[in-house]
PDB file of N, CA and C in Angstrom:
ATOM      1  N   UNK A   1      10.797 -23.105 -10.173  1.00  0.00           N
ATOM      2  CA  UNK A   1      11.008 -22.604  -8.819  1.00  0.00           C
ATOM      3  C   UNK A   1      11.436 -23.749  -7.919  1.00  0.00           C
ATOM      4  N   UNK A   2      12.293 -23.449  -6.971  1.00  0.00           N
ATOM      5  CA  UNK A   2      12.877 -24.479  -6.129  1.00  0.00           C
ATOM      6  C   UNK A   2      12.138 -24.688  -4.810  1.00  0.00           C
ATOM      7  N   UNK A   3      10.985 -24.091  -4.615  1.00  0.00           N
ATOM      8  CA  UNK A   3      10.246 -24.250  -3.374  1.00  0.00           C
ATOM      9  C   UNK A   3      10.583 -23.221  -2.320  1.00  0.00           C
ATOM     10  N   UNK A   4      11.605 -22.403  -2.567  1.00  0.00           N
ATOM     11  CA  UNK A   4      11.975 -21.356  -1.616  1.00  0.00           C
ATOM     12  C   UNK A   4      10.958 -20.222  -1.670  1.00  0.00           C
ATOM     13  N   UNK A   5      10.854 -19.486  -0.594  1.00  0.00           N
ATOM     14  CA  UNK A   5       9.997 -18.306  -0.552  1.00  0.00           C
ATOM     15  C   UNK A   5      10.680 -17.204  -1.352  1.00  0.00           C
ATOM     16  N   UNK A   6       9.953 -16.646  -2.322  1.00  0.00           N
ATOM     17  CA  UNK A   6      10.529 -15.583  -3.141  1.00  0.00           C
ATOM     18  C   UNK A   6      10.296 -14.232  -2.471  1.00  0.00           C
ATOM     19  N   UNK A   7      11.318 -13.378  -2.557  1.00  0.00           N
ATOM     20  CA  UNK A   7      11.315 -12.107  -1.833  1.00  0.00           C
ATOM     21  C   UNK A   7      11.783 -10.974  -2.746  1.00  0.00           C
ATOM     22  N   UNK A   8      11.165  -9.804  -2.555  1.00  0.00           N
ATOM     23  CA  UNK A   8      11.683  -8.556  -3.109  1.00  0.00           C
ATOM     24  C   UNK A   8      12.026  -7.675  -1.917  1.00  0.00           C
ATOM     25  N   UNK A   9      13.236  -7.132  -1.907  1.00  0.00           N
ATOM     26  CA  UNK A   9      13.717  -6.265  -0.835  1.00  0.00           C
ATOM     27  C   UNK A   9      13.781  -4.832  -1.353  1.00  0.00           C
ATOM     28  N   UNK A  10      13.264  -3.892  -0.563  1.00  0.00           N
ATOM     29  CA  UNK A  10      13.347  -2.476  -0.906  1.00  0.00           C
ATOM     30  C   UNK A  10      13.925  -1.709   0.275  1.00  0.00           C
ATOM     31  N   UNK A  11      15.092  -1.125   0.068  1.00  0.00           N
ATOM     32  CA  UNK A  11      15.791  -0.374   1.117  1.00  0.00           C
ATOM     33  C   UNK A  11      16.718   0.613   0.428  1.00  0.00           C
ATOM     34  N   UNK A  12      16.637   1.899   0.801  1.00  0.00           N
ATOM     35  CA  UNK A  12      17.468   2.898   0.139  1.00  0.00           C
ATOM     36  C   UNK A  12      18.915   2.884   0.624  1.00  0.00           C
ATOM     37  N   UNK A  13      19.186   2.356   1.785  1.00  0.00           N
ATOM     38  CA  UNK A  13      20.551   2.246   2.286  1.00  0.00           C
ATOM     39  C   UNK A  13      21.241   1.029   1.695  1.00  0.00           C
ATOM     40  N   UNK A  14      22.270   1.253   0.894  1.00  0.00           N
ATOM     41  CA  UNK A  14      22.904   0.157   0.156  1.00  0.00           C
ATOM     42  C   UNK A  14      23.490  -0.905   1.078  1.00  0.00           C
ATOM     43  N   UNK A  15      24.119  -0.527   2.162  1.00  0.00           N
ATOM     44  CA  UNK A  15      24.719  -1.524   3.051  1.00  0.00           C
ATOM     45  C   UNK A  15      23.667  -2.401   3.711  1.00  0.00           C
ATOM     46  N   UNK A  16      22.584  -1.809   4.162  1.00  0.00           N
ATOM     47  CA  UNK A  16      21.506  -2.591   4.762  1.00  0.00           C
ATOM     48  C   UNK A  16      20.851  -3.484   3.718  1.00  0.00           C
ATOM     49  N   UNK A  17      20.629  -2.951   2.514  1.00  0.00           N
ATOM     50  CA  UNK A  17      20.006  -3.730   1.442  1.00  0.00           C
ATOM     51  C   UNK A  17      20.845  -4.954   1.097  1.00  0.00           C
ATOM     52  N   UNK A  18      22.130  -4.762   0.903  1.00  0.00           N
ATOM     53  CA  UNK A  18      23.019  -5.873   0.567  1.00  0.00           C
ATOM     54  C   UNK A  18      23.098  -6.864   1.729  1.00  0.00           C
ATOM     55  N   UNK A  19      23.141  -6.356   2.935  1.00  0.00           N
ATOM     56  CA  UNK A  19      23.178  -7.233   4.107  1.00  0.00           C
ATOM     57  C   UNK A  19      21.925  -8.081   4.237  1.00  0.00           C
ATOM     58  N   UNK A  20      20.760  -7.472   4.011  1.00  0.00           N
ATOM     59  CA  UNK A  20      19.500  -8.217   4.068  1.00  0.00           C
ATOM     60  C   UNK A  20      19.450  -9.300   3.003  1.00  0.00           C
ATOM     61  N   UNK A  21      19.887  -8.969   1.802  1.00  0.00           N
ATOM     62  CA  UNK A  21      19.897  -9.948   0.718  1.00  0.00           C
ATOM     63  C   UNK A  21      20.781 -11.133   1.099  1.00  0.00           C
ATOM     64  N   UNK A  22      21.969 -10.855   1.595  1.00  0.00           N
ATOM     65  CA  UNK A  22      22.882 -11.930   1.991  1.00  0.00           C
ATOM     66  C   UNK A  22      22.307 -12.807   3.085  1.00  0.00           C
ATOM     67  N   UNK A  23      21.703 -12.196   4.070  1.00  0.00           N
ATOM     68  CA  UNK A  23      21.100 -12.939   5.182  1.00  0.00           C
ATOM     69  C   UNK A  23      19.939 -13.802   4.693  1.00  0.00           C
ATOM     70  N   UNK A  24      19.073 -13.219   3.878  1.00  0.00           N
ATOM     71  CA  UNK A  24      17.932 -13.978   3.361  1.00  0.00           C
ATOM     72  C   UNK A  24      18.386 -15.164   2.511  1.00  0.00           C
ATOM     73  N   UNK A  25      19.342 -14.933   1.633  1.00  0.00           N
ATOM     74  CA  UNK A  25      19.838 -16.023   0.784  1.00  0.00           C
ATOM     75  C   UNK A  25      20.510 -17.112   1.607  1.00  0.00           C
ATOM     76  N   UNK A  26      21.226 -16.733   2.631  1.00  0.00           N
ATOM     77  CA  UNK A  26      21.893 -17.709   3.499  1.00  0.00           C
ATOM     78  C   UNK A  26      20.886 -18.646   4.151  1.00  0.00           C
ATOM     79  N   UNK A  27      19.687 -18.140   4.428  1.00  0.00           N
ATOM     80  CA  UNK A  27      18.664 -18.952   5.079  1.00  0.00           C
ATOM     81  C   UNK A  27      17.646 -19.531   4.101  1.00  0.00           C
ATOM     82  N   UNK A  28      17.979 -19.548   2.807  1.00  0.00           N
ATOM     83  CA  UNK A  28      17.202 -20.281   1.827  1.00  0.00           C
ATOM     84  C   UNK A  28      16.111 -19.518   1.095  1.00  0.00           C
ATOM     85  N   UNK A  29      16.018 -18.217   1.296  1.00  0.00           N
ATOM     86  CA  UNK A  29      15.038 -17.430   0.555  1.00  0.00           C
ATOM     87  C   UNK A  29      15.574 -17.143  -0.847  1.00  0.00           C
ATOM     88  N   UNK A  30      14.679 -17.002  -1.802  1.00  0.00           N
ATOM     89  CA  UNK A  30      15.052 -16.641  -3.163  1.00  0.00           C
ATOM     90  C   UNK A  30      14.781 -15.142  -3.348  1.00  0.00           C
ATOM     91  N   UNK A  31      15.832 -14.334  -3.325  1.00  0.00           N
ATOM     92  CA  UNK A  31      15.681 -12.890  -3.495  1.00  0.00           C
ATOM     93  C   UNK A  31      15.628 -12.601  -4.985  1.00  0.00           C
ATOM     94  N   UNK A  32      14.454 -12.181  -5.442  1.00  0.00           N
ATOM     95  CA  UNK A  32      14.257 -11.938  -6.873  1.00  0.00           C
ATOM     96  C   UNK A  32      14.661 -10.540  -7.289  1.00  0.00           C
ATOM     97  N   UNK A  33      14.626  -9.578  -6.360  1.00  0.00           N
ATOM     98  CA  UNK A  33      15.047  -8.209  -6.669  1.00  0.00           C
ATOM     99  C   UNK A  33      15.367  -7.491  -5.370  1.00  0.00           C
ATOM    100  N   UNK A  34      16.311  -6.571  -5.447  1.00  0.00           N
ATOM    101  CA  UNK A  34      16.663  -5.696  -4.328  1.00  0.00           C
ATOM    102  C   UNK A  34      16.766  -4.290  -4.901  1.00  0.00           C
ATOM    103  N   UNK A  35      15.875  -3.407  -4.459  1.00  0.00           N
ATOM    104  CA  UNK A  35      15.746  -2.089  -5.073  1.00  0.00           C
ATOM    105  C   UNK A  35      15.886  -0.986  -4.033  1.00  0.00           C
ATOM    106  N   UNK A  36      16.014   0.267  -4.520  1.00  0.00           N
ATOM    107  CA  UNK A  36      16.301   1.367  -3.608  1.00  0.00           C
ATOM    108  C   UNK A  36      15.212   2.419  -3.478  1.00  0.00           C
ATOM    109  N   UNK A  37      14.136   2.330  -4.267  1.00  0.00           N
ATOM    110  CA  UNK A  37      13.080   3.336  -4.122  1.00  0.00           C
ATOM    111  C   UNK A  37      11.706   2.734  -4.411  1.00  0.00           C
ATOM    112  N   UNK A  38      10.670   3.505  -4.109  1.00  0.00           N
ATOM    113  CA  UNK A  38       9.292   3.003  -4.207  1.00  0.00           C
ATOM    114  C   UNK A  38       8.889   2.686  -5.639  1.00  0.00           C
ATOM    115  N   UNK A  39       9.336   3.481  -6.606  1.00  0.00           N
ATOM    116  CA  UNK A  39       8.995   3.208  -8.003  1.00  0.00           C
ATOM    117  C   UNK A  39       9.590   1.870  -8.448  1.00  0.00           C
ATOM    118  N   UNK A  40      10.840   1.643  -8.090  1.00  0.00           N
ATOM    119  CA  UNK A  40      11.486   0.375  -8.434  1.00  0.00           C
ATOM    120  C   UNK A  40      10.828  -0.785  -7.696  1.00  0.00           C
ATOM    121  N   UNK A  41      10.364  -0.548  -6.476  1.00  0.00           N
ATOM    122  CA  UNK A  41       9.659  -1.581  -5.714  1.00  0.00           C
ATOM    123  C   UNK A  41       8.385  -2.002  -6.440  1.00  0.00           C
ATOM    124  N   UNK A  42       7.593  -1.032  -6.856  1.00  0.00           N
ATOM    125  CA  UNK A  42       6.359  -1.359  -7.576  1.00  0.00           C
ATOM    126  C   UNK A  42       6.654  -2.154  -8.849  1.00  0.00           C
ATOM    127  N   UNK A  43       7.669  -1.743  -9.586  1.00  0.00           N
ATOM    128  CA  UNK A  43       8.030  -2.444 -10.826  1.00  0.00           C
ATOM    129  C   UNK A  43       8.519  -3.865 -10.534  1.00  0.00           C
ATOM    130  N   UNK A  44       9.319  -4.030  -9.487  1.00  0.00           N
ATOM    131  CA  UNK A  44       9.841  -5.352  -9.139  1.00  0.00           C
ATOM    132  C   UNK A  44       8.736  -6.295  -8.692  1.00  0.00           C
ATOM    133  N   UNK A  45       7.782  -5.785  -7.927  1.00  0.00           N
ATOM    134  CA  UNK A  45       6.660  -6.618  -7.480  1.00  0.00           C
ATOM    135  C   UNK A  45       5.823  -7.043  -8.681  1.00  0.00           C
ATOM    136  N   UNK A  46       5.589  -6.130  -9.594  1.00  0.00           N
ATOM    137  CA  UNK A  46       4.816  -6.467 -10.790  1.00  0.00           C
ATOM    138  C   UNK A  46       5.555  -7.487 -11.652  1.00  0.00           C
ATOM    139  N   UNK A  47       6.851  -7.341 -11.784  1.00  0.00           N
ATOM    140  CA  UNK A  47       7.641  -8.226 -12.639  1.00  0.00           C
ATOM    141  C   UNK A  47       7.869  -9.602 -12.034  1.00  0.00           C
ATOM    142  N   UNK A  48       8.039  -9.678 -10.713  1.00  0.00           N
ATOM    143  CA  UNK A  48       8.464 -10.927 -10.080  1.00  0.00           C
ATOM    144  C   UNK A  48       7.391 -11.632  -9.257  1.00  0.00           C
ATOM    145  N   UNK A  49       6.294 -10.959  -8.928  1.00  0.00           N
ATOM    146  CA  UNK A  49       5.207 -11.554  -8.153  1.00  0.00           C
ATOM    147  C   UNK A  49       5.739 -12.350  -6.948  1.00  0.00           C
ATOM    148  N   UNK A  50       6.450 -11.683  -6.033  1.00  0.00           N
ATOM    149  CA  UNK A  50       7.072 -12.399  -4.923  1.00  0.00           C
ATOM    150  C   UNK A  50       6.058 -12.884  -3.886  1.00  0.00           C
ATOM    151  N   UNK A  51       6.478 -13.851  -3.084  1.00  0.00           N
ATOM    152  CA  UNK A  51       5.680 -14.307  -1.952  1.00  0.00           C
ATOM    153  C   UNK A  51       5.718 -13.289  -0.817  1.00  0.00           C
ATOM    154  N   UNK A  52       6.822 -12.548  -0.721  1.00  0.00           N
ATOM    155  CA  UNK A  52       7.064 -11.648   0.400  1.00  0.00           C
ATOM    156  C   UNK A  52       7.788 -10.400  -0.074  1.00  0.00           C
ATOM    157  N   UNK A  53       7.403  -9.246   0.485  1.00  0.00           N
ATOM    158  CA  UNK A  53       8.118  -7.988   0.242  1.00  0.00           C
ATOM    159  C   UNK A  53       8.624  -7.483   1.583  1.00  0.00           C
ATOM    160  N   UNK A  54       9.906  -7.190   1.644  1.00  0.00           N
ATOM    161  CA  UNK A  54      10.498  -6.559   2.824  1.00  0.00           C
ATOM    162  C   UNK A  54      10.881  -5.157   2.395  1.00  0.00           C
ATOM    163  N   UNK A  55      10.251  -4.156   3.017  1.00  0.00           N
ATOM    164  CA  UNK A  55      10.464  -2.791   2.558  1.00  0.00           C
ATOM    165  C   UNK A  55      10.723  -1.823   3.699  1.00  0.00           C
ATOM    166  N   UNK A  56      11.520  -0.843   3.389  1.00  0.00           N
ATOM    167  CA  UNK A  56      11.723   0.304   4.256  1.00  0.00           C
ATOM    168  C   UNK A  56      10.480   1.180   4.088  1.00  0.00           C
ATOM    169  N   UNK A  57       9.950   1.700   5.152  1.00  0.00           N
ATOM    170  CA  UNK A  57       8.766   2.547   5.052  1.00  0.00           C
ATOM    171  C   UNK A  57       9.130   3.922   4.504  1.00  0.00           C
ATOM    172  N   UNK A  58      10.212   4.503   4.971  1.00  0.00           N
ATOM    173  CA  UNK A  58      10.636   5.830   4.507  1.00  0.00           C
ATOM    174  C   UNK A  58      11.618   5.668   3.361  1.00  0.00           C
ATOM    175  N   UNK A  59      11.150   6.021   2.159  1.00  0.00           N
ATOM    176  CA  UNK A  59      11.978   5.828   0.976  1.00  0.00           C
ATOM    177  C   UNK A  59      12.016   7.090   0.126  1.00  0.00           C
ATOM    178  N   UNK A  60      13.072   7.214  -0.717  1.00  0.00           N
ATOM    179  CA  UNK A  60      13.159   8.348  -1.620  1.00  0.00           C
ATOM    180  C   UNK A  60      11.977   8.364  -2.573  1.00  0.00           C
ATOM    181  N   UNK A  61      11.595   9.481  -3.082  1.00  0.00           N
ATOM    182  CA  UNK A  61      12.281  10.759  -2.981  1.00  0.00           C
ATOM    183  C   UNK A  61      11.845  11.591  -1.789  1.00  0.00           C
ATOM    184  N   UNK A  62      10.718  11.281  -1.143  1.00  0.00           N
ATOM    185  CA  UNK A  62      10.192  12.145  -0.090  1.00  0.00           C
ATOM    186  C   UNK A  62      10.640  11.744   1.298  1.00  0.00           C
ATOM    187  N   UNK A  63      11.093  10.537   1.476  1.00  0.00           N
ATOM    188  CA  UNK A  63      11.482   9.983   2.781  1.00  0.00           C
ATOM    189  C   UNK A  63      10.342  10.068   3.790  1.00  0.00           C
ATOM    190  N   UNK A  64       9.113   9.943   3.289  1.00  0.00           N
ATOM    191  CA  UNK A  64       7.949   9.871   4.186  1.00  0.00           C
ATOM    192  C   UNK A  64       7.501   8.408   4.215  1.00  0.00           C
ATOM    193  N   UNK A  65       6.310   8.088   3.814  1.00  0.00           N
ATOM    194  CA  UNK A  65       5.805   6.728   3.906  1.00  0.00           C
ATOM    195  C   UNK A  65       5.601   6.084   2.529  1.00  0.00           C
ATOM    196  N   UNK A  66       6.468   6.399   1.567  1.00  0.00           N
ATOM    197  CA  UNK A  66       6.343   5.878   0.210  1.00  0.00           C
ATOM    198  C   UNK A  66       6.419   4.355   0.171  1.00  0.00           C
ATOM    199  N   UNK A  67       7.189   3.753   1.060  1.00  0.00           N
ATOM    200  CA  UNK A  67       7.309   2.306   1.100  1.00  0.00           C
ATOM    201  C   UNK A  67       6.014   1.603   1.468  1.00  0.00           C
ATOM    202  N   UNK A  68       5.153   2.265   2.228  1.00  0.00           N
ATOM    203  CA  UNK A  68       3.856   1.689   2.586  1.00  0.00           C
ATOM    204  C   UNK A  68       2.850   1.819   1.464  1.00  0.00           C
ATOM    205  N   UNK A  69       2.937   2.919   0.742  1.00  0.00           N
ATOM    206  CA  UNK A  69       1.970   3.127  -0.336  1.00  0.00           C
ATOM    207  C   UNK A  69       2.233   2.165  -1.434  1.00  0.00           C
TER     208      UNK A  69
END
């Protein structure tokens, strides 16, 4: 590891997700995964053990509060 803060991003909107990844990487964060739903978020957190998770609260499939759970 290079000392950067590791991040997993979860956002169902592809343009926002890609934009967040680009912004985070530009400022020195290590984005380990960028996913689109809560199931993928849980798997990415388990696989990558990030320092930080940035998540959309309303995520598929229900678009309620799956991102918080």
